[in-house]
N, C-alpha and C. Protein backbone atom coordinates (compact mmCIF):
# COMPACT_ATOMS: atom_id res chain seq x y z
N MET A 1 1.15 -1.23 0.18
CA MET A 1 0.02 -0.03 0.22
C MET A 1 0.89 1.18 -0.09
N THR A 2 0.55 2.23 -0.78
CA THR A 2 1.15 3.60 -1.25
C THR A 2 0.31 4.70 -0.03
N ASP A 3 1.48 5.64 0.46
CA ASP A 3 1.14 6.54 1.19
C ASP A 3 0.43 7.79 0.03
N ALA A 4 -0.79 7.91 0.77
CA ALA A 4 -1.64 8.95 -0.31
C ALA A 4 -0.86 10.57 -0.59
N ALA A 5 -0.20 10.76 0.40
CA ALA A 5 0.42 12.19 0.78
C ALA A 5 1.61 12.09 -0.66
N ARG A 6 2.00 10.76 -0.78
CA ARG A 6 3.53 10.41 -1.73
C ARG A 6 2.78 9.50 -3.05
N PRO A 7 1.88 9.97 -4.21
CA PRO A 7 1.67 9.61 -5.07
C PRO A 7 2.64 7.86 -6.12
N ARG A 8 2.06 7.46 -6.63
CA ARG A 8 3.14 7.03 -7.56
C ARG A 8 2.89 7.47 -8.43
N ARG A 9 4.77 7.78 -9.04
CA ARG A 9 5.02 8.74 -9.57
C ARG A 9 5.24 7.86 -11.44
N TRP A 10 5.83 7.27 -10.79
CA TRP A 10 6.25 6.17 -12.07
C TRP A 10 5.46 5.97 -13.51
N PRO A 11 3.82 5.40 -13.47
CA PRO A 11 3.00 5.62 -14.35
C PRO A 11 2.90 7.13 -15.10
N ALA A 12 2.92 7.79 -14.26
CA ALA A 12 2.91 9.18 -15.06
C ALA A 12 3.80 9.41 -16.06
N TYR A 13 5.24 9.49 -15.66
CA TYR A 13 6.25 8.96 -16.25
C TYR A 13 6.70 8.52 -17.60
N THR A 14 5.73 6.87 -16.83
CA THR A 14 5.91 5.75 -18.44
C THR A 14 5.08 6.74 -19.45
N ILE A 15 3.97 7.19 -18.92
CA ILE A 15 3.13 7.20 -19.93
C ILE A 15 3.56 8.53 -20.72
N ALA A 16 4.26 9.75 -19.68
CA ALA A 16 4.63 10.71 -20.41
C ALA A 16 5.67 10.42 -21.62
N LEU A 17 6.88 9.19 -21.25
CA LEU A 17 7.81 9.02 -22.31
C LEU A 17 7.17 8.31 -23.53
N LEU A 18 6.29 7.46 -22.69
CA LEU A 18 5.51 6.90 -24.43
C LEU A 18 5.02 8.12 -25.72
N PHE A 19 3.90 8.73 -24.54
CA PHE A 19 3.40 10.22 -25.60
C PHE A 19 4.72 10.60 -26.25
N LEU A 20 5.76 10.69 -25.31
CA LEU A 20 6.99 11.47 -26.66
C LEU A 20 7.69 10.77 -27.43
N GLY A 21 7.60 9.69 -27.37
CA GLY A 21 7.98 8.55 -28.54
C GLY A 21 7.15 8.68 -29.46
N TYR A 22 5.67 8.62 -29.03
CA TYR A 22 4.50 8.87 -30.10
C TYR A 22 5.04 9.96 -30.74
N ALA A 23 5.13 11.34 -30.11
CA ALA A 23 5.61 12.30 -31.05
C ALA A 23 6.63 12.91 -31.69
N ALA A 24 7.42 11.72 -31.59
CA ALA A 24 8.42 12.05 -32.35
C ALA A 24 8.73 10.68 -33.48
N GLY A 25 7.83 10.02 -33.43
CA GLY A 25 7.64 8.72 -34.53
C GLY A 25 6.39 9.30 -35.70
N LYS A 26 5.48 10.27 -34.95
CA LYS A 26 4.94 10.97 -35.87
C LYS A 26 5.50 12.03 -36.40
N ALA A 27 6.40 12.70 -35.82
CA ALA A 27 6.89 13.99 -36.50
C ALA A 27 7.65 13.40 -37.67
N ALA A 28 8.46 12.03 -37.72
CA ALA A 28 9.42 11.72 -38.16
C ALA A 28 8.83 11.47 -39.39
N PHE A 29 7.23 10.75 -39.49
CA PHE A 29 6.25 10.21 -40.40
C PHE A 29 6.03 11.88 -40.92
N ALA A 30 5.81 13.05 -40.35
CA ALA A 30 5.54 13.86 -40.75
C ALA A 30 6.26 14.91 -41.80
N MET A 31 7.72 14.40 -41.17
CA MET A 31 9.05 14.89 -42.43
C MET A 31 8.83 14.32 -43.71
N GLU A 32 8.34 13.32 -43.74
CA GLU A 32 8.17 12.65 -45.44
C GLU A 32 7.00 12.53 -46.02
N SER A 33 6.05 12.92 -45.27
CA SER A 33 4.68 13.22 -45.30
C SER A 33 3.96 11.99 -45.72
N ARG A 34 4.32 10.62 -44.66
CA ARG A 34 3.39 9.64 -44.80
C ARG A 34 2.90 9.41 -43.51
N LEU A 35 1.24 8.68 -43.56
CA LEU A 35 0.87 8.17 -42.53
C LEU A 35 1.33 7.30 -41.69
N GLY A 36 0.67 6.64 -40.61
CA GLY A 36 1.41 5.58 -40.43
C GLY A 36 1.85 5.76 -38.82
N PHE A 37 2.25 4.88 -38.79
CA PHE A 37 3.50 4.74 -37.43
C PHE A 37 4.38 4.21 -37.71
N PRO A 38 6.27 4.82 -37.75
CA PRO A 38 6.91 3.88 -37.23
C PRO A 38 6.99 2.32 -36.79
N GLY A 39 7.32 1.17 -37.38
CA GLY A 39 7.08 -0.24 -36.44
C GLY A 39 5.54 -0.42 -36.84
N GLY A 40 4.58 0.01 -37.06
CA GLY A 40 3.22 -0.37 -36.84
C GLY A 40 2.78 -1.07 -38.59
N PRO A 41 1.92 -1.08 -38.68
CA PRO A 41 1.46 -1.75 -40.00
C PRO A 41 1.22 -0.36 -41.33
N PRO A 42 1.85 -0.88 -42.81
CA PRO A 42 2.10 0.05 -43.62
C PRO A 42 0.79 1.04 -44.13
N VAL A 43 0.35 1.89 -44.18
CA VAL A 43 -0.63 2.51 -44.77
C VAL A 43 -0.12 2.52 -46.50
N SER A 44 -1.32 2.02 -47.08
CA SER A 44 -1.15 2.42 -48.85
C SER A 44 -1.42 3.29 -49.53
N ALA A 45 -0.57 3.86 -50.44
CA ALA A 45 -1.18 5.02 -51.13
C ALA A 45 -2.88 5.57 -51.44
N GLU A 46 -3.81 4.22 -51.56
CA GLU A 46 -5.09 4.75 -51.90
C GLU A 46 -5.87 5.16 -50.50
N GLU A 47 -5.01 4.35 -49.67
CA GLU A 47 -5.67 5.25 -48.20
C GLU A 47 -5.45 6.08 -47.78
N THR A 48 -3.98 6.61 -48.02
CA THR A 48 -3.62 8.33 -47.86
C THR A 48 -4.33 9.18 -49.11
N VAL A 49 -5.17 8.88 -50.29
CA VAL A 49 -6.01 9.52 -51.20
C VAL A 49 -7.02 9.87 -50.28
N ARG A 50 -7.15 9.19 -49.19
CA ARG A 50 -8.75 9.28 -48.54
C ARG A 50 -9.07 10.30 -47.46
N TYR A 51 -7.82 10.19 -47.10
CA TYR A 51 -7.83 11.46 -45.96
C TYR A 51 -8.10 12.76 -46.56
N PHE A 52 -8.55 13.90 -45.94
CA PHE A 52 -8.94 15.04 -45.97
C PHE A 52 -7.92 15.96 -46.10
N MET A 53 -7.27 15.58 -45.07
CA MET A 53 -6.08 16.65 -45.30
C MET A 53 -4.47 16.26 -45.21
N ASP A 54 -3.67 16.55 -45.48
CA ASP A 54 -2.57 16.22 -46.23
C ASP A 54 -1.68 15.41 -45.00
N PRO A 55 -1.12 14.82 -45.09
CA PRO A 55 -0.46 13.43 -44.24
C PRO A 55 0.36 14.20 -43.69
N ALA A 56 1.12 15.37 -43.82
CA ALA A 56 1.66 15.86 -42.81
C ALA A 56 1.53 16.55 -42.03
N VAL A 57 0.28 17.17 -42.29
CA VAL A 57 -0.47 18.09 -41.33
C VAL A 57 -1.18 17.06 -40.37
N ALA A 58 -1.37 16.00 -41.04
CA ALA A 58 -1.96 14.79 -40.01
C ALA A 58 -1.14 14.56 -39.13
N GLN A 59 -0.02 14.43 -39.73
CA GLN A 59 0.99 13.81 -38.84
C GLN A 59 1.35 14.64 -37.93
N TRP A 60 1.30 16.43 -38.17
CA TRP A 60 2.23 17.11 -37.14
C TRP A 60 0.83 17.40 -36.40
N SER A 61 -0.01 17.38 -36.24
CA SER A 61 -1.14 17.04 -35.67
C SER A 61 -1.39 15.87 -34.74
N ALA A 62 -1.14 15.14 -34.95
CA ALA A 62 -0.50 14.18 -33.99
C ALA A 62 0.36 14.38 -32.87
N THR A 63 1.69 14.70 -33.58
CA THR A 63 2.70 15.37 -32.94
C THR A 63 2.21 15.70 -31.63
N ALA A 64 1.27 17.02 -32.05
CA ALA A 64 0.96 17.76 -30.88
C ALA A 64 0.22 17.50 -29.95
N THR A 65 -0.89 16.68 -30.33
CA THR A 65 -1.24 15.67 -29.16
C THR A 65 -0.25 14.94 -28.72
N GLY A 66 0.91 14.35 -29.09
CA GLY A 66 1.40 13.50 -28.72
C GLY A 66 1.94 14.43 -26.90
N LEU A 67 2.39 15.75 -27.57
CA LEU A 67 2.96 16.25 -26.94
C LEU A 67 2.14 16.65 -25.55
N LEU A 68 0.88 17.41 -25.78
CA LEU A 68 -0.06 17.64 -25.10
C LEU A 68 -0.65 16.18 -23.96
N GLY A 69 -0.67 14.89 -24.64
CA GLY A 69 -0.57 14.30 -23.54
C GLY A 69 0.50 13.54 -22.83
N ALA A 70 1.72 13.75 -22.91
CA ALA A 70 2.62 13.71 -22.18
C ALA A 70 2.81 14.73 -21.17
N GLY A 71 2.16 15.90 -21.52
CA GLY A 71 2.32 17.41 -20.69
C GLY A 71 0.95 16.80 -19.56
N LEU A 72 0.19 15.89 -20.06
CA LEU A 72 -1.29 15.89 -18.98
C LEU A 72 -0.73 14.77 -18.04
N ALA A 73 0.05 13.61 -18.85
CA ALA A 73 0.62 12.88 -17.70
C ALA A 73 1.23 13.55 -16.98
N LEU A 74 2.63 14.24 -17.17
CA LEU A 74 3.18 14.61 -16.13
C LEU A 74 2.33 15.94 -15.04
N ALA A 75 1.17 16.23 -15.84
CA ALA A 75 0.85 17.07 -14.45
C ALA A 75 -0.35 16.81 -13.44
N THR A 76 -0.02 15.25 -13.47
CA THR A 76 -0.97 14.68 -12.65
C THR A 76 -0.46 14.00 -11.31
N VAL A 77 1.15 14.54 -11.34
CA VAL A 77 2.10 14.66 -10.76
C VAL A 77 2.94 15.37 -9.62
N THR A 78 2.86 16.80 -10.68
CA THR A 78 3.19 18.15 -10.80
C THR A 78 2.42 18.83 -8.94
N PRO A 79 2.66 19.74 -8.62
CA PRO A 79 2.24 20.10 -7.35
C PRO A 79 1.23 21.57 -8.43
N LEU A 80 2.27 22.31 -8.93
CA LEU A 80 1.61 23.37 -9.87
C LEU A 80 -0.07 23.19 -10.73
N ALA A 81 0.31 21.80 -11.03
CA ALA A 81 -1.11 21.37 -11.74
C ALA A 81 -2.35 20.56 -10.65
N ARG A 82 -1.78 20.49 -9.26
CA ARG A 82 -2.88 20.15 -8.73
C ARG A 82 -3.83 21.36 -8.02
N ARG A 83 -3.19 22.63 -8.85
CA ARG A 83 -4.10 23.53 -8.80
C ARG A 83 -5.43 23.10 -9.82
N VAL A 84 -4.93 22.54 -10.83
CA VAL A 84 -6.16 22.11 -11.54
C VAL A 84 -7.54 21.94 -10.67
N PRO A 85 -8.73 22.44 -11.11
CA PRO A 85 -9.82 21.88 -10.12
C PRO A 85 -10.30 20.23 -10.61
N ARG A 86 -9.72 19.68 -9.70
CA ARG A 86 -10.35 17.98 -9.69
C ARG A 86 -11.25 17.86 -10.45
N MET A 87 -11.97 17.91 -10.47
CA MET A 87 -12.97 17.47 -11.25
C MET A 87 -13.04 17.51 -12.40
N LEU A 88 -12.29 18.73 -13.28
CA LEU A 88 -11.84 19.30 -14.70
C LEU A 88 -11.22 18.11 -15.06
N MET A 89 -9.40 18.01 -14.12
CA MET A 89 -8.71 16.91 -14.48
C MET A 89 -9.38 15.68 -14.50
N LEU A 90 -10.46 15.60 -14.11
CA LEU A 90 -10.87 14.24 -14.07
C LEU A 90 -11.59 13.73 -15.53
N LEU A 91 -12.39 14.38 -15.73
CA LEU A 91 -12.85 14.91 -16.99
C LEU A 91 -11.73 14.54 -18.40
N VAL A 92 -10.96 15.62 -17.97
CA VAL A 92 -9.76 15.43 -18.83
C VAL A 92 -9.16 13.99 -19.14
N LEU A 93 -9.12 13.60 -17.79
CA LEU A 93 -8.24 12.43 -17.88
C LEU A 93 -9.06 10.93 -18.44
N ALA A 94 -10.67 10.99 -18.08
CA ALA A 94 -11.39 9.96 -18.76
C ALA A 94 -11.47 10.37 -20.10
N ALA A 95 -11.47 11.44 -21.07
CA ALA A 95 -11.36 11.48 -22.44
C ALA A 95 -9.99 10.93 -22.85
N MET A 96 -9.03 11.11 -22.07
CA MET A 96 -7.67 10.46 -22.08
C MET A 96 -7.76 8.93 -22.38
N LEU A 97 -8.19 8.85 -21.37
CA LEU A 97 -8.65 7.13 -21.42
C LEU A 97 -9.26 6.54 -22.70
N LEU A 98 -10.51 7.36 -22.84
CA LEU A 98 -11.45 6.95 -23.82
C LEU A 98 -10.74 6.83 -25.44
N ALA A 99 -10.21 8.04 -25.54
CA ALA A 99 -9.45 8.29 -26.76
C ALA A 99 -7.81 6.99 -26.90
N VAL A 100 -6.78 7.43 -25.59
CA VAL A 100 -5.86 6.95 -26.14
C VAL A 100 -6.03 5.44 -25.54
N GLY A 101 -6.74 4.63 -24.92
CA GLY A 101 -7.38 3.98 -24.14
C GLY A 101 -7.79 3.16 -25.45
N GLY A 102 -8.62 3.12 -26.05
CA GLY A 102 -9.74 2.95 -27.42
C GLY A 102 -8.43 2.92 -28.39
N GLY A 103 -7.54 3.15 -28.95
CA GLY A 103 -6.26 2.62 -29.87
C GLY A 103 -5.82 2.09 -29.42
N ALA A 104 -5.22 1.74 -27.96
CA ALA A 104 -4.61 0.96 -27.66
C ALA A 104 -5.65 -0.78 -27.45
N GLY A 105 -6.71 -0.51 -27.26
CA GLY A 105 -7.59 -1.55 -27.32
C GLY A 105 -7.64 -2.53 -28.56
N ILE A 106 -7.85 -1.29 -29.70
CA ILE A 106 -8.11 -1.87 -31.46
C ILE A 106 -6.40 -2.41 -31.26
N MET A 107 -5.15 -1.95 -30.76
CA MET A 107 -4.19 -2.11 -31.09
C MET A 107 -3.84 -3.95 -30.24
N ALA A 108 -4.63 -3.82 -29.68
CA ALA A 108 -4.56 -5.60 -28.88
C ALA A 108 -5.37 -6.58 -29.37
N VAL A 109 -6.57 -5.84 -29.38
CA VAL A 109 -7.23 -6.97 -30.37
C VAL A 109 -7.02 -7.28 -31.86
N ASP A 110 -6.77 -6.41 -32.25
CA ASP A 110 -6.16 -7.05 -33.85
C ASP A 110 -4.33 -7.65 -33.73
N GLY A 111 -3.82 -7.05 -32.13
CA GLY A 111 -2.65 -7.77 -32.57
C GLY A 111 -2.75 -9.76 -31.92
N PHE A 112 -3.82 -9.56 -31.29
CA PHE A 112 -4.02 -11.06 -30.25
C PHE A 112 -5.14 -11.52 -31.44
N ILE A 113 -6.26 -11.09 -31.63
CA ILE A 113 -7.27 -11.60 -32.23
C ILE A 113 -7.31 -11.50 -34.11
N GLY A 114 -6.80 -10.48 -34.60
CA GLY A 114 -6.46 -10.27 -35.63
C GLY A 114 -8.32 -9.42 -36.28
N LEU A 115 -7.99 -8.08 -36.85
CA LEU A 115 -9.08 -7.32 -37.37
C LEU A 115 -8.70 -7.12 -38.83
N GLY A 116 -7.62 -7.36 -38.92
CA GLY A 116 -7.32 -7.01 -40.43
C GLY A 116 -6.53 -5.47 -40.52
N ILE A 117 -5.96 -5.23 -39.69
CA ILE A 117 -5.82 -3.54 -39.63
C ILE A 117 -4.72 -4.22 -39.81
N GLY A 118 -3.49 -5.07 -39.08
CA GLY A 118 -2.13 -5.67 -39.51
C GLY A 118 -1.42 -5.09 -38.23
N TRP A 119 -2.00 -4.88 -37.19
CA TRP A 119 -0.91 -4.75 -35.94
C TRP A 119 -0.70 -6.34 -35.52
N GLN A 120 0.20 -6.38 -35.17
CA GLN A 120 1.03 -7.78 -34.74
C GLN A 120 1.40 -7.84 -33.49
N TRP A 121 1.42 -9.34 -32.87
CA TRP A 121 1.35 -10.15 -31.37
C TRP A 121 1.62 -9.03 -30.30
N TYR A 122 2.83 -8.37 -30.54
CA TYR A 122 3.80 -7.91 -30.12
C TYR A 122 3.02 -6.32 -29.71
N HIS A 123 2.53 -5.63 -30.85
CA HIS A 123 1.69 -4.40 -30.74
C HIS A 123 0.53 -5.04 -29.75
N GLY A 124 -0.06 -6.08 -29.78
CA GLY A 124 -0.95 -6.16 -28.51
C GLY A 124 -0.56 -5.86 -27.40
N VAL A 125 0.73 -6.72 -26.76
CA VAL A 125 1.17 -6.15 -26.14
C VAL A 125 1.22 -5.17 -24.83
N VAL A 126 1.77 -4.42 -26.26
CA VAL A 126 2.07 -3.16 -26.31
C VAL A 126 0.77 -2.33 -25.43
N GLY A 127 -0.46 -2.32 -26.41
CA GLY A 127 -1.41 -1.83 -26.22
C GLY A 127 -2.03 -2.19 -24.46
N THR A 128 -2.17 -3.33 -24.31
CA THR A 128 -2.51 -3.87 -23.17
C THR A 128 -1.51 -2.76 -22.04
N VAL A 129 0.03 -3.08 -22.70
CA VAL A 129 0.76 -2.52 -21.11
C VAL A 129 0.22 -0.70 -20.99
N VAL A 130 -0.13 -0.53 -22.30
CA VAL A 130 -0.90 1.35 -22.04
C VAL A 130 -1.98 1.50 -21.37
N ILE A 131 -2.62 0.53 -21.87
CA ILE A 131 -4.00 0.78 -20.98
C ILE A 131 -3.87 0.44 -19.38
N GLY A 132 -2.77 -0.34 -18.98
CA GLY A 132 -2.93 -0.60 -17.53
C GLY A 132 -2.35 0.30 -16.95
N LEU A 133 -1.34 1.30 -17.66
CA LEU A 133 -0.30 2.17 -17.08
C LEU A 133 -1.19 3.44 -17.05
N LEU A 134 -2.33 3.40 -17.74
CA LEU A 134 -3.14 4.86 -18.19
C LEU A 134 -4.15 4.35 -16.62
N LEU A 135 -4.97 3.00 -16.53
CA LEU A 135 -5.80 2.95 -15.36
C LEU A 135 -4.71 3.25 -14.29
N ALA A 136 -3.41 2.82 -14.54
CA ALA A 136 -2.82 3.37 -13.16
C ALA A 136 -2.75 4.78 -12.83
N MET A 137 -1.80 5.22 -13.61
CA MET A 137 -1.89 6.64 -13.36
C MET A 137 -2.90 7.43 -13.24
N ILE A 138 -4.33 6.91 -13.37
CA ILE A 138 -5.87 7.40 -13.19
C ILE A 138 -5.84 7.83 -11.68
N HIS A 139 -5.45 5.97 -11.59
CA HIS A 139 -5.54 5.98 -10.14
C HIS A 139 -4.88 6.20 -8.98
N SER A 140 -3.41 6.74 -9.44
CA SER A 140 -2.78 7.46 -8.56
C SER A 140 -3.06 8.62 -8.32
N TYR A 141 -3.57 9.65 -9.51
CA TYR A 141 -3.85 10.78 -9.34
C TYR A 141 -5.40 11.01 -8.44
N VAL A 142 -6.59 9.69 -8.43
CA VAL A 142 -7.61 10.08 -7.87
C VAL A 142 -6.99 9.23 -5.98
N THR A 143 -6.21 8.73 -6.12
CA THR A 143 -6.26 8.35 -4.66
C THR A 143 -5.40 9.58 -3.70
N SER A 144 -4.31 10.29 -4.48
CA SER A 144 -3.83 11.31 -4.01
C SER A 144 -4.39 12.67 -4.11
N THR A 145 -5.16 12.60 -4.95
CA THR A 145 -6.13 14.33 -4.84
C THR A 145 -7.45 13.94 -4.12
N ARG A 146 -7.40 12.62 -2.92
CA ARG A 146 -8.90 12.60 -2.59
C ARG A 146 -8.87 13.31 -1.52
N ARG A 147 -9.96 14.05 -1.32
CA ARG A 147 -10.35 14.60 -0.19
C ARG A 147 -10.48 14.22 1.17
N ARG A 148 -9.84 14.15 2.30
CA ARG A 148 -9.62 13.70 3.06
C ARG A 148 -10.84 14.22 4.26
N VAL A 149 -11.56 13.15 5.21
CA VAL A 149 -12.85 13.57 5.90
C VAL A 149 -12.66 13.54 7.36
N ALA A 150 -12.46 14.77 7.95
CA ALA A 150 -11.95 14.73 9.18
C ALA A 150 -13.01 14.02 10.17
N GLY A 151 -12.55 13.07 11.24
CA GLY A 151 -13.63 12.29 12.08
C GLY A 151 -12.94 11.75 13.13
């Protein structure tokens, strides 16, 4: 059992590193004007044509969301960010869990069962680990910001 006054920080730091890796991969593909993610399934030229925006713009936008995600993960363990109203932070973390957890869940299901996207079993392991880390980060934030009732 951990002390609530001292939250577990490692899940947030690990998620921040994963988001920075995501942002770096997206930036690398943005410079090449390609869709996809290094190490992931290839994106065909015909799929690229279906998108409404230029692949470079899409990848730079994804780079920005990766940086934003890293900042949000770090915000769960920094004293300055604790000034953000708890309910607002919980809403943002719930949205993050839905978005990132959804993508990681698709990776896991496709990696283990196969949806036809092209993720392999090791991508499924990564997706499962990411979901676990997100839940651990949110749990740590919730327990460390819980109000104590005097009694």
